[in-house]
C-alpha cells in the first residue's frame, strides 16, 4: 500500500495537530498523561505515513534500525531510575543533534554526486550541521555533569567569552564559505568548530543552572530537527522541530524568570557550583552550629499541626521517598492535618522533576502547589518538612548579596513555625552554596536517608494511633 502525496499530507496534518494537543496536555500534571497519549498517537501516524510514502524504496535498513532502536530503548526505559531521567534526556538530545549532522552530511554526499546541490540547500545543510553539532557536544557535557562523570562546578577562565565569540564567528564563516563553494575543507572545519563550540558553551555552566541548560538543549534539538526537515523536504519534521524549539525556549525563559536571572547570564555566566564570597553570611552562620532532631521530635509537632507544607527536592528523588511521603500525607490527613507539597520551578535536575515523582506516588494534583501560590502559606504553616531540597529554600538567595544564588526566588520555608530538614549530611546543595536556613532557630535537621526517615515517621504515627 502506497499513500498518495495528498493522503500523506493529510496524515502529517493530523499528526501535527496531535503534537500541538500533546504540548497543551503537558502544561498541567492532571492532563499530562493524556498529552503523552496524543504525542504517541501523532508519532505513530507520522511514522506510518512516512513509511508508506512514495519516497521509500527499500525497507531493509529501516526495519533493522527501528528494531535495534526499539530493543535498546525498551531496555533503557525499563532499567532507568527516575533520578537518572535528567541525564537520559540530555543523552537523547545528543542523539538528535548527531542525527541532524549525519543526515546533513549524507544528503550533501548524495546530492553532490547527483549534481543536485543548490544555494538554498547548501544553506540548510550548513544550519543543520552547526545546530546539530552544538546540540550534540553540549548535551554530552550536560550528561557528564548530571551523571557526575564531569565536575558540576563551572569551568571558567579568562577570555572565555571572547574565545566563544571567535569560535562562533569562525564557524559561521566556514558555513557560509561551504554553502557558496561546496568546499569539503570548509565543511570539515565548520563541523569541528561547531562541536567545539557546544563544549565551550556548556562547560562553564554550574550545577544550579543545569535544569535551564537541559531545557535549552531541548530547544536546540528542536531546531536541529527543523533544519533536518528542510534538508529532507519533510513538512512534519519542520513543524515538530519548530514546536520543540519554541516550547523549549519558552520553558527556559520561564525558568530563568523563576530564578530571577537573565537567560544570557545563564548561558554565558558560568553560574552555580562556586564557593561564594569570602566573608559571606553563610560562613558566619556556620559558627553558630546546627540543631539536629530525631524522627519523634518532628512527628511530635506534625501530628498536632493544622498545616504541614512539604518541600521535595533532588534528595527525595535519589532516595525514592515519594511513596513514603504519600503514606505520611495519608497518616497526617487522617488526623485532620492539611498537607501540601511546595514545588519550586527548578527543583531537581529537570523541569517538572518533582511533579512527575509525586504523580508516580498518586499524590493528588490539588495537594501539589507551585512556588508563587504556596509561598504566602509558609507563614501560617505549623511545620515545613524539607525532603532533600537545598538551594530552593536557601535564604542566602534573599539575604546574602555575596552569594552566587543571590536574587533567585526561593520557597520561603523558613517562615514556618517549625522547620525540619531531612538530609544525609551537612554537604551543600548542587550549587555548592551553604544553606543559611539550617542555622535558623526554628530549624532542625533530621539526618538519614529520606526514604528511611519518612518510613520511620509513618511508623511512629501508626504506633501513636494505637
Protein backbone atom coordinates (compact mmCIF):
# COMPACT_ATOMS: atom_id res chain seq x y z
CA UNK A 1 0.00 0.00 0.00
CA UNK A 2 1.41 3.37 -1.03
CA UNK A 3 -0.03 6.66 0.15
CA UNK A 4 -0.61 9.44 -2.33
CA UNK A 5 1.03 12.79 -1.76
CA UNK A 6 -2.29 14.28 -0.65
CA UNK A 7 -3.06 11.41 1.74
CA UNK A 8 0.41 11.72 3.28
CA UNK A 9 -0.07 15.48 3.70
CA UNK A 10 -3.38 14.91 5.49
CA UNK A 11 -1.75 12.31 7.78
CA UNK A 12 1.03 14.77 8.58
CA UNK A 13 -1.56 17.45 9.34
CA UNK A 14 -3.35 15.13 11.77
CA UNK A 15 0.00 14.30 13.40
CA UNK A 16 0.86 17.98 13.77
CA UNK A 17 -2.50 18.67 15.45
CA UNK A 18 -1.92 15.77 17.84
CA UNK A 19 1.55 17.10 18.71
CA UNK A 20 0.09 20.51 19.50
CA UNK A 21 -2.54 18.86 21.70
CA UNK A 22 0.26 16.89 23.37
CA UNK A 23 2.09 20.09 24.29
CA UNK A 24 -1.15 21.55 25.59
CA UNK A 25 -1.74 18.46 27.73
CA UNK A 26 1.77 18.57 29.15
CA UNK A 27 1.22 22.04 30.59
CA UNK A 28 -0.57 20.60 33.65
CA UNK A 29 0.01 17.42 35.67
CA UNK A 30 -3.67 16.47 35.53
CA UNK A 31 -3.65 16.36 31.72
CA UNK A 32 -0.04 15.22 31.21
CA UNK A 33 -0.92 11.56 30.72
CA UNK A 34 -3.46 12.48 28.06
CA UNK A 35 -0.88 14.71 26.42
CA UNK A 36 1.54 11.81 26.23
CA UNK A 37 -1.10 9.66 24.54
CA UNK A 38 -1.71 12.40 21.97
CA UNK A 39 2.01 12.61 21.28
CA UNK A 40 2.35 8.84 20.92
CA UNK A 41 -0.61 8.69 18.54
CA UNK A 42 0.77 11.56 16.48
CA UNK A 43 4.17 9.91 16.20
CA UNK A 44 2.64 6.56 15.22
CA UNK A 45 0.66 8.22 12.42
CA UNK A 46 3.71 10.19 11.29
CA UNK A 47 5.91 7.09 11.10
CA UNK A 48 3.27 5.09 9.26
CA UNK A 49 2.64 7.90 6.77
CA UNK A 50 6.35 8.27 6.10
CA UNK A 51 6.95 4.55 5.62
CA UNK A 52 4.02 4.32 3.20
CA UNK A 53 5.19 7.31 1.17
CA UNK A 54 6.40 7.05 -2.41
CA UNK A 55 9.89 8.19 -1.43
CA UNK A 56 10.59 4.94 0.45
CA UNK A 57 12.17 2.44 -1.94
CA UNK A 58 13.56 -0.18 0.46
CA UNK A 59 12.58 -1.23 3.98
CA UNK A 60 15.56 -3.41 4.94
CA UNK A 61 17.74 -0.88 6.76
CA UNK A 62 14.69 0.99 8.07
CA UNK A 63 13.25 -2.12 9.74
CA UNK A 64 16.66 -3.07 11.12
CA UNK A 65 17.13 0.41 12.57
CA UNK A 66 13.66 0.52 14.11
CA UNK A 67 14.09 -2.94 15.62
CA UNK A 68 17.51 -2.13 17.09
CA UNK A 69 16.30 1.19 18.45
CA UNK A 70 13.18 -0.38 19.94
CA UNK A 71 15.19 -3.05 21.75
CA UNK A 72 17.76 -0.60 23.10
CA UNK A 73 15.12 1.95 24.05
CA UNK A 74 12.97 -0.63 25.82
CA UNK A 75 15.91 -1.93 27.84
CA UNK A 76 16.99 1.57 28.85
CA UNK A 77 13.43 2.62 29.76
CA UNK A 78 12.91 -0.49 31.89
CA UNK A 79 16.14 -0.02 33.83
CA UNK A 80 16.43 3.73 34.16
CA UNK A 81 15.83 5.23 37.60
CA UNK A 82 13.81 8.43 37.98
CA UNK A 83 16.88 10.08 39.46
CA UNK A 84 18.70 9.47 36.18
CA UNK A 85 15.97 10.93 33.95
CA UNK A 86 17.69 14.34 33.51
CA UNK A 87 20.90 12.79 32.17
CA UNK A 88 18.86 10.42 29.99
CA UNK A 89 17.08 13.43 28.49
CA UNK A 90 20.45 15.09 27.87
CA UNK A 91 21.71 11.91 26.17
CA UNK A 92 18.62 11.76 23.95
CA UNK A 93 19.19 15.39 22.95
CA UNK A 94 22.70 14.45 21.87
CA UNK A 95 21.26 11.71 19.63
CA UNK A 96 19.02 14.24 17.89
CA UNK A 97 21.96 16.56 17.35
CA UNK A 98 24.16 13.84 15.89
CA UNK A 99 21.30 12.61 13.69
CA UNK A 100 20.96 16.13 12.25
CA UNK A 101 24.69 16.21 11.48
CA UNK A 102 24.70 12.77 9.85
CA UNK A 103 21.58 13.48 7.78
CA UNK A 104 23.09 16.71 6.51
CA UNK A 105 26.40 15.03 5.65
CA UNK A 106 24.65 12.13 3.92
CA UNK A 107 22.44 14.50 1.95
CA UNK A 108 25.47 16.51 0.84
CA UNK A 109 27.31 13.40 -0.36
CA UNK A 110 24.28 12.03 -2.23
CA UNK A 111 23.20 15.31 -3.81
CA UNK A 112 26.76 16.26 -4.78
CA UNK A 113 27.31 13.01 -6.65
CA UNK A 114 23.97 13.54 -8.44
CA UNK A 115 24.66 17.20 -9.17
CA UNK A 116 21.53 18.31 -7.31
CA UNK A 117 23.03 20.86 -4.92
CA UNK A 118 21.79 24.46 -4.89
CA UNK A 119 22.49 27.53 -2.71
CA UNK A 120 19.30 27.14 -0.64
CA UNK A 121 20.00 23.50 0.14
CA UNK A 122 23.63 24.30 0.96
CA UNK A 123 22.47 26.91 3.47
CA UNK A 124 20.11 24.37 5.03
CA UNK A 125 22.92 21.84 5.28
CA UNK A 126 25.20 24.36 6.98
CA UNK A 127 22.50 25.30 9.51
CA UNK A 128 21.67 21.66 10.23
CA UNK A 129 25.29 20.70 10.83
CA UNK A 130 26.08 23.71 13.03
CA UNK A 131 22.97 23.42 15.20
CA UNK A 132 23.22 19.63 15.39
CA UNK A 133 26.91 19.61 16.32
CA UNK A 134 26.44 22.22 19.05
CA UNK A 135 23.47 20.26 20.39
CA UNK A 136 25.44 17.00 20.39
CA UNK A 137 28.59 18.13 22.20
CA UNK A 138 26.68 20.44 24.56
CA UNK A 139 24.34 17.61 25.51
CA UNK A 140 27.27 15.25 26.08
CA UNK A 141 28.79 17.75 28.52
CA UNK A 142 25.42 18.20 30.26
CA UNK A 143 25.10 14.41 30.54
CA UNK A 144 28.58 14.18 32.05
CA UNK A 145 27.85 16.88 34.63
CA UNK A 146 24.49 15.38 35.62
CA UNK A 147 25.91 11.86 35.78
CA UNK A 148 28.86 13.01 37.88
CA UNK A 149 31.42 11.97 35.26
CA UNK A 150 32.39 15.64 34.96
CA UNK A 151 32.50 18.03 37.92
CA UNK A 152 29.33 20.07 38.32
CA UNK A 153 31.39 23.17 39.08
CA UNK A 154 31.68 25.76 36.31
CA UNK A 155 34.94 25.71 34.35
CA UNK A 156 35.75 29.37 33.85
CA UNK A 157 38.91 31.02 32.55
CA UNK A 158 39.93 34.47 31.41
CA UNK A 159 38.92 35.33 27.87
CA UNK A 160 36.30 32.59 27.74
CA UNK A 161 33.57 34.75 26.22
CA UNK A 162 35.95 36.14 23.62
CA UNK A 163 37.02 32.61 22.70
CA UNK A 164 33.39 31.50 22.29
CA UNK A 165 32.66 34.54 20.13
CA UNK A 166 35.66 33.86 17.90
CA UNK A 167 34.72 30.18 17.52
CA UNK A 168 31.13 31.16 16.67
CA UNK A 169 32.25 33.70 14.07
CA UNK A 170 34.68 31.23 12.51
CA UNK A 171 32.02 28.51 12.45
CA UNK A 172 29.53 30.76 10.67
CA UNK A 173 32.25 31.96 8.30
CA UNK A 174 33.19 28.42 7.28
CA UNK A 175 29.48 27.63 6.98
CA UNK A 176 28.93 30.49 4.55
CA UNK A 177 32.03 29.52 2.55
CA UNK A 178 30.83 25.90 2.42
CA UNK A 179 27.38 26.98 1.23
CA UNK A 180 28.90 29.11 -1.52
CA UNK A 181 31.69 26.81 -2.72
CA UNK A 182 30.83 23.25 -1.60
CA UNK A 183 34.34 23.11 -0.12
CA UNK A 184 34.93 19.89 1.80
CA UNK A 185 37.63 21.65 3.83
CA UNK A 186 35.16 24.32 4.94
CA UNK A 187 32.65 21.56 5.73
CA UNK A 188 35.16 19.80 7.96
CA UNK A 189 36.25 23.00 9.74
CA UNK A 190 32.64 24.13 10.25
CA UNK A 191 31.67 20.76 11.74
CA UNK A 192 34.69 20.51 14.04
CA UNK A 193 34.33 24.08 15.31
CA UNK A 194 30.60 23.56 15.96
CA UNK A 195 31.39 20.50 18.07
CA UNK A 196 33.99 22.54 19.99
CA UNK A 197 31.55 25.44 20.47
CA UNK A 198 28.97 23.13 22.07
CA UNK A 199 31.66 22.02 24.51
CA UNK A 200 32.88 25.53 25.37
CA UNK A 201 29.34 26.88 25.78
CA UNK A 202 28.20 24.28 28.32
CA UNK A 203 31.39 23.55 30.29
CA UNK A 204 31.19 26.86 32.22
CA UNK A 205 27.62 26.14 33.37
CA UNK A 206 27.44 25.08 37.01
CA UNK A 207 25.07 22.87 38.94
CA UNK A 208 22.34 25.33 39.87
CA UNK A 209 21.66 26.21 36.26
CA UNK A 210 21.60 22.68 34.84
CA UNK A 211 17.75 22.45 34.72
CA UNK A 212 17.73 25.52 32.47
CA UNK A 213 20.50 24.08 30.30
CA UNK A 214 18.61 20.80 29.85
CA UNK A 215 15.61 22.83 28.73
CA UNK A 216 17.73 24.92 26.36
CA UNK A 217 19.34 21.84 24.83
CA UNK A 218 15.83 20.54 24.27
CA UNK A 219 15.19 23.72 22.29
CA UNK A 220 18.41 23.25 20.31
CA UNK A 221 17.42 19.68 19.45
CA UNK A 222 14.13 21.02 18.10
CA UNK A 223 15.88 23.49 15.83
CA UNK A 224 18.22 20.73 14.69
CA UNK A 225 15.18 18.61 13.79
CA UNK A 226 13.60 21.53 11.95
CA UNK A 227 16.78 22.08 9.95
CA UNK A 228 16.77 18.38 9.07
CA UNK A 229 13.16 18.76 7.95
CA UNK A 230 14.17 21.44 5.48
CA UNK A 231 17.01 19.26 4.23
CA UNK A 232 14.71 16.25 3.70
CA UNK A 233 11.82 18.42 2.49
CA UNK A 234 9.62 16.90 5.20
CA UNK A 235 6.98 19.37 6.37
CA UNK A 236 6.04 17.44 9.50
CA UNK A 237 9.64 17.34 10.71
CA UNK A 238 9.82 21.11 10.24
CA UNK A 239 6.61 21.60 12.25
CA UNK A 240 7.64 19.24 15.05
CA UNK A 241 11.12 20.75 15.24
CA UNK A 242 9.69 24.25 15.47
CA UNK A 243 7.24 23.17 18.20
CA UNK A 244 10.05 21.64 20.25
CA UNK A 245 12.37 24.55 19.57
CA UNK A 246 9.91 27.24 20.60
CA UNK A 247 8.48 25.34 23.59
CA UNK A 248 11.97 24.61 24.90
CA UNK A 249 12.99 28.24 24.51
CA UNK A 250 9.82 29.47 26.27
CA UNK A 251 10.32 26.99 29.11
CA UNK A 252 13.93 28.17 29.51
CA UNK A 253 12.75 31.78 29.77
CA UNK A 254 10.10 30.82 32.34
CA UNK A 255 12.69 29.01 34.44
CA UNK A 256 15.10 31.93 34.23
CA UNK A 257 12.36 34.24 35.50
CA UNK A 258 11.80 31.81 38.37
CA UNK A 259 15.49 32.17 39.21
CA UNK A 260 15.45 35.95 38.67
CA UNK A 261 18.22 35.57 36.14
CA UNK A 262 18.83 36.64 32.58
CA UNK A 263 18.99 33.76 30.13
CA UNK A 264 22.11 35.42 28.68
CA UNK A 265 23.74 35.20 32.11
CA UNK A 266 22.77 31.55 32.43
CA UNK A 267 24.25 30.62 29.06
CA UNK A 268 27.38 32.70 29.30
CA UNK A 269 27.78 33.43 33.02
CA UNK A 270 29.05 30.13 34.38
CA UNK A 271 26.81 30.17 37.45
CA UNK A 272 26.50 27.56 40.16
CA UNK A 273 28.98 25.30 41.87
CA UNK A 274 31.19 28.13 43.04
CA UNK A 275 32.41 28.74 46.54
CA UNK A 276 30.65 32.04 47.11
CA UNK A 277 32.07 35.18 48.71
CA UNK A 278 34.89 35.06 51.20
CA UNK A 279 33.05 36.82 54.03
CA UNK A 280 29.50 35.67 53.28
CA UNK A 281 26.73 35.37 55.85
CA UNK A 282 26.86 31.61 55.37
CA UNK A 283 30.39 31.47 56.71
CA UNK A 284 29.39 33.45 59.80
CA UNK A 285 26.27 31.33 60.34
CA UNK A 286 28.27 28.10 60.30
CA UNK A 287 29.97 29.14 63.54
CA UNK A 288 26.63 29.11 65.38
CA UNK A 289 26.12 25.37 64.94
CA UNK A 290 23.17 23.36 63.66
CA UNK A 291 20.40 21.73 65.67
CA UNK A 292 19.54 18.11 64.95
CA UNK A 293 16.32 16.31 65.77
CA UNK A 294 15.01 12.78 65.95
CA UNK A 295 12.09 11.45 63.93
CA UNK A 296 9.95 11.51 67.07
CA UNK A 297 10.65 15.22 67.54
CA UNK A 298 9.39 16.03 64.05
CA UNK A 299 6.30 13.85 64.47
CA UNK A 300 5.52 15.49 67.83
CA UNK A 301 4.98 18.80 66.06
CA UNK A 302 3.41 17.43 62.87
CA UNK A 303 0.67 15.21 64.33
CA UNK A 304 -0.90 18.12 66.21
CA UNK A 305 -0.37 20.68 63.46
CA UNK A 306 -3.07 22.40 61.45
CA UNK A 307 -0.95 22.69 58.32
CA UNK A 308 2.21 20.91 57.14
CA UNK A 309 3.98 22.02 53.97
CA UNK A 310 6.39 19.54 52.40
CA UNK A 311 9.21 20.71 50.11
CA UNK A 312 10.59 17.89 47.93
CA UNK A 313 14.00 18.10 46.28
CA UNK A 314 16.56 16.01 44.48
CA UNK A 315 17.32 14.10 47.69
CA UNK A 316 13.77 12.75 47.61
CA UNK A 317 14.36 11.53 44.05
CA UNK A 318 17.65 9.86 44.98
CA UNK A 319 16.07 8.02 47.90
CA UNK A 320 12.81 7.28 46.04
CA UNK A 321 10.96 8.62 49.07
CA UNK A 322 7.81 9.80 47.28
CA UNK A 323 5.76 6.71 48.19
CA UNK A 324 6.73 7.03 51.86
CA UNK A 325 5.71 10.70 51.68
CA UNK A 326 2.32 9.65 50.32
CA UNK A 327 1.86 7.39 53.35
CA UNK A 328 2.97 10.21 55.63
CA UNK A 329 0.45 12.53 54.00
CA UNK A 330 -2.33 9.96 54.45
CA UNK A 331 -1.49 9.49 58.13
CA UNK A 332 -1.44 13.23 58.77
CA UNK A 333 -4.65 13.90 56.86
CA UNK A 334 -6.33 11.16 58.91
CA UNK A 335 -5.54 13.41 61.90
CA UNK A 336 -7.13 16.43 60.14
CA UNK A 337 -3.76 17.95 59.28
CA UNK A 338 -3.76 19.87 55.99
CA UNK A 339 -0.80 18.70 53.87
CA UNK A 340 0.51 20.39 50.73
CA UNK A 341 3.63 19.95 48.62
CA UNK A 342 5.51 23.11 47.66
CA UNK A 343 7.20 22.94 44.25
CA UNK A 344 10.00 25.23 43.08
CA UNK A 345 10.27 25.57 39.27
CA UNK A 346 13.90 24.38 39.24
CA UNK A 347 13.76 21.74 41.98
CA UNK A 348 15.54 18.56 40.96
CA UNK A 349 17.57 18.24 37.79
CA UNK A 350 15.00 18.99 35.09
CA UNK A 351 11.70 20.87 34.69
CA UNK A 352 8.80 19.05 36.32
CA UNK A 353 11.06 16.50 38.05
CA UNK A 354 9.24 16.73 41.39
CA UNK A 355 5.78 16.77 39.81
CA UNK A 356 6.48 13.52 37.96
CA UNK A 357 7.72 11.76 41.10
CA UNK A 358 4.77 12.89 43.21
CA UNK A 359 2.31 11.88 40.49
CA UNK A 360 4.01 8.46 40.39
CA UNK A 361 3.13 8.08 44.08
CA UNK A 362 -0.53 9.01 43.40
CA UNK A 363 -0.33 12.23 45.37
CA UNK A 364 -3.38 14.30 44.28
CA UNK A 365 -2.63 17.22 41.99
CA UNK A 366 -4.62 19.53 44.27
CA UNK A 367 -2.04 18.90 47.01
CA UNK A 368 0.85 19.97 44.76
CA UNK A 369 1.26 23.75 44.66
CA UNK A 370 3.71 25.92 42.72
CA UNK A 371 6.05 28.43 44.36
CA UNK A 372 4.17 31.71 43.80
CA UNK A 373 0.94 30.27 45.14
CA UNK A 374 2.37 28.41 48.14
CA UNK A 375 4.86 30.99 49.44
CA UNK A 376 2.29 33.10 51.33
CA UNK A 377 1.18 29.97 53.20
CA UNK A 378 4.52 29.23 54.87
CA UNK A 379 3.94 31.99 57.43
CA UNK A 380 0.74 30.22 58.53
CA UNK A 381 2.18 26.69 58.48
CA UNK A 382 2.97 24.90 61.72
CA UNK A 383 5.65 22.73 60.12
CA UNK A 384 7.70 22.88 56.93
CA UNK A 385 9.21 19.48 56.12
CA UNK A 386 12.06 19.72 53.61
CA UNK A 387 12.93 16.42 51.97
CA UNK A 388 16.24 16.59 50.18
CA UNK A 389 15.90 20.17 48.92
CA UNK A 390 18.73 22.66 49.33
CA UNK A 391 19.19 25.64 47.07
CA UNK A 392 15.47 26.27 46.50
CA UNK A 393 14.93 27.03 50.22
CA UNK A 394 18.22 28.83 50.90
CA UNK A 395 17.65 32.30 52.44
CA UNK A 396 21.08 33.31 51.11
CA UNK A 397 19.27 33.99 47.84
CA UNK A 398 17.48 36.86 49.60
CA UNK A 399 19.79 37.88 52.44
CA UNK A 400 23.39 37.41 51.26
CA UNK A 401 24.47 39.68 48.37
CA UNK A 402 27.81 37.84 48.19
CA UNK A 403 26.13 34.50 47.47
CA UNK A 404 26.19 33.16 43.89
CA UNK A 405 22.45 32.45 44.14
CA UNK A 406 21.54 35.93 45.38
CA UNK A 407 18.38 37.18 43.67
CA UNK A 408 16.90 33.75 42.94
CA UNK A 409 13.32 33.44 44.24
CA UNK A 410 13.02 30.67 46.82
CA UNK A 411 10.38 28.74 48.70
CA UNK A 412 10.10 30.67 51.96
CA UNK A 413 10.09 27.58 54.18
CA UNK A 414 11.98 29.40 56.92
CA UNK A 415 8.83 31.38 57.77
CA UNK A 416 7.04 28.29 59.09
CA UNK A 417 6.75 27.88 62.85
CA UNK A 418 8.97 24.80 62.82
CA UNK A 419 11.25 23.61 60.02
CA UNK A 420 12.58 20.06 59.77
CA UNK A 421 15.09 19.19 57.07
CA UNK A 422 15.80 15.59 56.08
CA UNK A 423 19.41 15.31 54.92
CA UNK A 424 22.11 12.69 54.71
CA UNK A 425 24.88 15.07 55.73
CA UNK A 426 25.83 18.74 56.00
CA UNK A 427 27.01 18.86 52.39
CA UNK A 428 25.63 21.84 50.45
CA UNK A 429 23.26 21.56 47.51
CA UNK A 430 24.17 21.12 43.87
CA UNK A 431 25.19 24.77 43.56
CA UNK A 432 27.81 24.29 46.26
CA UNK A 433 26.36 27.12 48.38
CA UNK A 434 25.92 26.68 52.14
CA UNK A 435 22.28 26.89 53.25
CA UNK A 436 21.55 29.62 55.81
CA UNK A 437 18.21 28.01 56.66
CA UNK A 438 19.94 25.27 58.63
CA UNK A 439 21.19 27.82 61.16
CA UNK A 440 17.85 29.45 61.93
CA UNK A 441 16.49 29.00 65.44
CA UNK A 442 13.30 27.33 64.18
CA UNK A 443 15.13 24.78 62.01
CA UNK A 444 16.36 21.30 62.92
CA UNK A 445 17.99 18.66 60.73
CA UNK A 446 16.89 15.02 60.75
CA UNK A 447 19.87 13.13 59.41
CA UNK A 448 19.37 9.98 57.35
CA UNK A 449 18.19 8.58 54.05
CA UNK A 450 15.00 10.39 53.02
CA UNK A 451 13.04 7.19 52.39
CA UNK A 452 14.13 5.60 55.67
CA UNK A 453 13.32 8.73 57.65
CA UNK A 454 9.90 9.16 56.05
CA UNK A 455 9.06 5.50 56.62
CA UNK A 456 10.11 5.89 60.26
CA UNK A 457 7.82 8.90 60.56
CA UNK A 458 4.94 6.84 59.17
CA UNK A 459 5.67 4.03 61.64
CA UNK A 460 5.77 6.45 64.55
CA UNK A 461 2.42 7.92 63.52
CA UNK A 462 0.90 4.47 63.12
CA UNK A 463 2.18 3.50 66.55
CA UNK A 464 0.74 6.68 68.07
CA UNK A 465 -2.65 5.81 66.60
CA UNK A 466 -2.95 2.54 68.51
